[in-house]
Protein backbone atom coordinates (compact mmCIF):
# COMPACT_ATOMS: atom_id res chain seq x y z
CA MET A 1 8.80 4.14 17.55
CA ALA A 2 5.09 3.37 17.55
CA THR A 3 2.54 5.56 18.22
CA ALA A 4 -0.37 4.88 20.37
CA VAL A 5 -3.32 5.94 18.88
CA ASP A 6 -6.87 6.78 20.71
CA PHE A 7 -10.23 5.60 19.35
CA THR A 8 -12.37 6.71 22.54
CA ASN A 9 -13.81 9.55 20.26
CA GLN A 10 -14.22 6.84 17.68
CA SER A 11 -17.36 5.92 16.70
CA PHE A 12 -17.82 2.67 15.57
CA ALA A 13 -20.83 0.57 14.33
CA PRO A 14 -22.42 -2.11 16.80
CA LEU A 15 -20.63 -5.45 16.83
CA LYS A 16 -23.24 -8.43 15.33
CA ASN A 17 -20.34 -11.13 17.48
CA ASP A 18 -18.61 -9.47 20.12
CA LEU A 19 -18.79 -13.01 22.08
CA ILE A 20 -15.18 -14.25 22.32
CA LEU A 21 -14.94 -10.13 23.91
CA ARG A 22 -17.32 -10.31 26.34
CA VAL A 23 -16.11 -14.05 27.56
CA ALA A 24 -12.68 -12.10 27.74
CA ARG A 25 -14.35 -9.18 29.14
CA GLY A 26 -15.87 -12.36 32.32
CA GLU A 27 -18.88 -11.80 31.21
CA ARG A 28 -21.26 -14.81 31.27
CA ALA A 29 -22.33 -16.46 27.70
CA LYS A 30 -24.94 -18.36 26.66
CA ARG A 31 -21.94 -20.77 24.67
CA VAL A 32 -18.46 -21.28 24.51
CA PRO A 33 -17.05 -18.95 21.79
CA VAL A 34 -14.63 -20.73 19.27
CA TRP A 35 -12.79 -18.92 16.65
CA VAL A 36 -11.32 -20.81 13.73
CA LEU A 37 -7.76 -19.77 12.30
CA LYS A 38 -8.37 -21.04 8.59
CA GLN A 39 -5.18 -20.19 7.01
CA ALA A 40 -3.37 -21.97 9.57
CA GLY A 41 -1.56 -25.38 7.90
CA LYS A 42 -2.63 -24.58 4.61
CA TYR A 43 1.06 -24.83 3.39
CA LEU A 44 2.08 -27.52 5.32
CA PRO A 45 2.50 -31.05 2.70
CA GLU A 46 1.07 -33.00 6.61
CA TYR A 47 -2.64 -30.58 6.31
CA LYS A 48 -3.00 -31.26 2.18
CA GLU A 49 -2.83 -35.43 2.78
CA LEU A 50 -4.96 -34.74 5.81
CA ARG A 51 -7.31 -32.44 4.55
CA GLY A 52 -7.32 -33.96 1.06
CA ASN A 53 -10.34 -32.68 -1.32
CA ARG A 54 -12.58 -32.22 1.87
CA LYS A 55 -14.01 -28.76 2.32
CA PHE A 56 -12.83 -27.44 5.28
CA PHE A 57 -16.05 -27.12 7.22
CA ASP A 58 -16.51 -30.48 6.27
CA ILE A 59 -13.31 -30.90 8.03
CA CYS A 60 -14.49 -29.29 10.77
CA LYS A 61 -16.99 -31.72 11.64
CA ASP A 62 -14.53 -34.28 12.18
CA PRO A 63 -13.29 -34.20 15.57
CA GLU A 64 -10.81 -36.56 15.19
CA LEU A 65 -9.63 -35.12 11.39
CA VAL A 66 -9.63 -31.84 13.99
CA CYS A 67 -7.70 -32.81 16.27
CA ASP A 68 -5.37 -34.72 13.85
CA ILE A 69 -5.09 -31.71 11.37
CA THR A 70 -4.56 -29.28 14.95
CA VAL A 71 -1.66 -30.95 16.02
CA GLN A 72 -0.35 -30.88 12.77
CA VAL A 73 -0.06 -27.35 12.84
CA CYS A 74 1.08 -26.78 15.57
CA LEU A 75 3.74 -28.81 15.57
CA HIS A 76 5.29 -27.02 12.96
CA GLN A 77 5.16 -23.34 14.54
């Protein structure tokens, strides 16, 4: 059985990018947070074919390619 851990007395460094956490708490943000899961689908032949020789961040700049890859990954979850 898992044991709960109490982090209330822990001292953590201030977060440098807590945008997604602030939005999750319902706070306003200057921009929409984006979470990128880079590893998703890397093993899929369909992903490898769509990706070709492109670098990850080059793919991110192509909305049509991002949509195609997202659908491929979601179909295999």
